[in-house]
Amino acid sequence: MRELVIILISSLLLLTILRELVHSLFVLFYFGVAIIGMIYLFLPSGNNPKNVIMNL
């Protein structure tokens, strides 16, 4: 669980650094897509039920 928190915090830090490269009109869209992408990456796989890392 600690590793997940470290990855999420470092990802959010990277997102805030890269925010400077995004036009101010698209900042909300940028954060929305990035957060949805992070959630998708951390979800357990539905195609591989034997090797589930986290039980939600």
N, C-alpha and C. Protein backbone atom coordinates (compact mmCIF):
# COMPACT_ATOMS: atom_id res chain seq x y z
N MET A 1 0.82 -1.19 0.00
CA MET A 1 0.00 0.00 0.00
C MET A 1 0.86 1.26 0.00
N ARG A 2 1.99 1.19 0.69
CA ARG A 2 2.88 2.35 0.77
C ARG A 2 3.44 2.68 -0.61
N GLU A 3 3.73 1.65 -1.39
CA GLU A 3 4.27 1.87 -2.73
C GLU A 3 3.25 2.58 -3.63
N LEU A 4 1.99 2.20 -3.48
CA LEU A 4 0.94 2.83 -4.27
C LEU A 4 0.83 4.32 -3.94
N VAL A 5 0.93 4.66 -2.68
CA VAL A 5 0.86 6.07 -2.27
C VAL A 5 2.06 6.84 -2.82
N ILE A 6 3.23 6.24 -2.78
CA ILE A 6 4.43 6.89 -3.32
C ILE A 6 4.29 7.12 -4.82
N ILE A 7 3.77 6.14 -5.54
CA ILE A 7 3.59 6.28 -6.99
C ILE A 7 2.55 7.35 -7.29
N LEU A 8 1.45 7.38 -6.55
CA LEU A 8 0.42 8.38 -6.80
C LEU A 8 0.91 9.79 -6.51
N ILE A 9 1.64 9.96 -5.42
CA ILE A 9 2.16 11.29 -5.10
C ILE A 9 3.19 11.75 -6.13
N SER A 10 4.06 10.85 -6.54
CA SER A 10 5.06 11.23 -7.55
C SER A 10 4.40 11.51 -8.90
N SER A 11 3.33 10.77 -9.23
CA SER A 11 2.62 11.04 -10.48
C SER A 11 1.95 12.40 -10.45
N LEU A 12 1.31 12.74 -9.32
CA LEU A 12 0.69 14.05 -9.22
C LEU A 12 1.72 15.17 -9.24
N LEU A 13 2.88 14.94 -8.66
CA LEU A 13 3.95 15.93 -8.72
C LEU A 13 4.41 16.13 -10.16
N LEU A 14 4.57 15.05 -10.89
CA LEU A 14 4.96 15.14 -12.30
C LEU A 14 3.89 15.85 -13.12
N LEU A 15 2.62 15.58 -12.82
CA LEU A 15 1.54 16.26 -13.53
C LEU A 15 1.56 17.76 -13.30
N THR A 16 1.84 18.17 -12.08
CA THR A 16 1.87 19.61 -11.81
C THR A 16 3.08 20.28 -12.47
N ILE A 17 4.18 19.55 -12.59
CA ILE A 17 5.34 20.11 -13.29
C ILE A 17 5.04 20.24 -14.78
N LEU A 18 4.41 19.21 -15.37
CA LEU A 18 4.11 19.24 -16.80
C LEU A 18 2.94 20.16 -17.14
N ARG A 19 2.22 20.62 -16.14
CA ARG A 19 1.09 21.51 -16.38
C ARG A 19 1.53 22.80 -17.05
N GLU A 20 2.75 23.21 -16.82
CA GLU A 20 3.26 24.45 -17.42
C GLU A 20 3.34 24.35 -18.95
N LEU A 21 3.39 23.13 -19.49
CA LEU A 21 3.47 22.94 -20.93
C LEU A 21 2.11 22.93 -21.61
N VAL A 22 1.03 22.95 -20.81
CA VAL A 22 -0.32 22.89 -21.35
C VAL A 22 -0.93 24.28 -21.34
N HIS A 23 -1.62 24.62 -22.41
CA HIS A 23 -2.29 25.92 -22.50
C HIS A 23 -3.33 26.03 -21.39
N SER A 24 -3.52 27.23 -20.88
CA SER A 24 -4.41 27.43 -19.73
C SER A 24 -5.85 27.03 -20.03
N LEU A 25 -6.24 27.04 -21.28
CA LEU A 25 -7.59 26.66 -21.66
C LEU A 25 -7.82 25.16 -21.46
N PHE A 26 -6.75 24.35 -21.57
CA PHE A 26 -6.88 22.89 -21.53
C PHE A 26 -6.42 22.26 -20.22
N VAL A 27 -6.18 23.04 -19.19
CA VAL A 27 -5.65 22.50 -17.93
C VAL A 27 -6.62 21.53 -17.28
N LEU A 28 -7.90 21.88 -17.21
CA LEU A 28 -8.89 20.99 -16.59
C LEU A 28 -9.01 19.68 -17.37
N PHE A 29 -9.03 19.77 -18.69
CA PHE A 29 -9.08 18.57 -19.52
C PHE A 29 -7.84 17.72 -19.32
N TYR A 30 -6.68 18.35 -19.22
CA TYR A 30 -5.41 17.66 -19.00
C TYR A 30 -5.43 16.87 -17.68
N PHE A 31 -5.85 17.53 -16.61
CA PHE A 31 -5.90 16.84 -15.31
C PHE A 31 -6.96 15.74 -15.31
N GLY A 32 -8.08 15.97 -15.96
CA GLY A 32 -9.12 14.94 -16.02
C GLY A 32 -8.65 13.69 -16.72
N VAL A 33 -8.03 13.85 -17.88
CA VAL A 33 -7.53 12.70 -18.63
C VAL A 33 -6.40 12.02 -17.88
N ALA A 34 -5.54 12.78 -17.25
CA ALA A 34 -4.41 12.19 -16.52
C ALA A 34 -4.89 11.40 -15.30
N ILE A 35 -5.86 11.91 -14.58
CA ILE A 35 -6.35 11.21 -13.39
C ILE A 35 -7.11 9.94 -13.80
N ILE A 36 -7.91 10.03 -14.85
CA ILE A 36 -8.60 8.83 -15.33
C ILE A 36 -7.59 7.79 -15.82
N GLY A 37 -6.54 8.24 -16.48
CA GLY A 37 -5.49 7.32 -16.92
C GLY A 37 -4.77 6.65 -15.76
N MET A 38 -4.51 7.40 -14.69
CA MET A 38 -3.85 6.79 -13.52
C MET A 38 -4.76 5.77 -12.85
N ILE A 39 -6.04 6.08 -12.75
CA ILE A 39 -6.98 5.12 -12.16
C ILE A 39 -7.03 3.85 -12.99
N TYR A 40 -7.08 3.99 -14.30
CA TYR A 40 -7.12 2.83 -15.19
C TYR A 40 -5.86 1.97 -15.05
N LEU A 41 -4.71 2.61 -14.91
CA LEU A 41 -3.47 1.86 -14.79
C LEU A 41 -3.37 1.08 -13.48
N PHE A 42 -4.01 1.57 -12.42
CA PHE A 42 -3.91 0.90 -11.13
C PHE A 42 -5.04 -0.08 -10.85
N LEU A 43 -6.02 -0.16 -11.73
CA LEU A 43 -7.09 -1.13 -11.54
C LEU A 43 -6.58 -2.55 -11.80
N PRO A 44 -7.08 -3.54 -11.06
CA PRO A 44 -6.66 -4.91 -11.33
C PRO A 44 -7.22 -5.38 -12.67
N SER A 45 -6.51 -6.27 -13.30
CA SER A 45 -6.88 -6.77 -14.61
C SER A 45 -8.09 -7.68 -14.52
N GLY A 46 -9.04 -7.49 -15.39
CA GLY A 46 -10.20 -8.37 -15.45
C GLY A 46 -9.93 -9.62 -16.25
N ASN A 47 -8.88 -9.59 -17.09
CA ASN A 47 -8.55 -10.74 -17.92
C ASN A 47 -7.62 -11.71 -17.24
N ASN A 48 -7.08 -11.35 -16.08
CA ASN A 48 -6.12 -12.21 -15.40
C ASN A 48 -6.51 -12.33 -13.93
N PRO A 49 -7.56 -13.10 -13.63
CA PRO A 49 -8.05 -13.15 -12.24
C PRO A 49 -7.12 -13.90 -11.28
N LYS A 50 -6.20 -14.71 -11.79
CA LYS A 50 -5.31 -15.48 -10.92
C LYS A 50 -4.25 -14.60 -10.26
N ASN A 51 -3.80 -13.57 -10.95
CA ASN A 51 -2.70 -12.74 -10.45
C ASN A 51 -3.17 -11.35 -10.07
N VAL A 52 -4.15 -11.28 -9.22
CA VAL A 52 -4.66 -10.00 -8.76
C VAL A 52 -3.74 -9.47 -7.67
N ILE A 53 -3.20 -8.26 -7.86
CA ILE A 53 -2.26 -7.70 -6.90
C ILE A 53 -3.01 -7.18 -5.68
N MET A 54 -4.07 -6.42 -5.91
CA MET A 54 -4.84 -5.84 -4.81
C MET A 54 -6.25 -6.40 -4.85
N ASN A 55 -6.79 -6.73 -3.73
CA ASN A 55 -8.18 -7.14 -3.64
C ASN A 55 -9.01 -5.95 -3.23
N LEU A 56 -9.81 -5.43 -4.15
CA LEU A 56 -10.63 -4.26 -3.86
C LEU A 56 -11.97 -4.67 -3.34
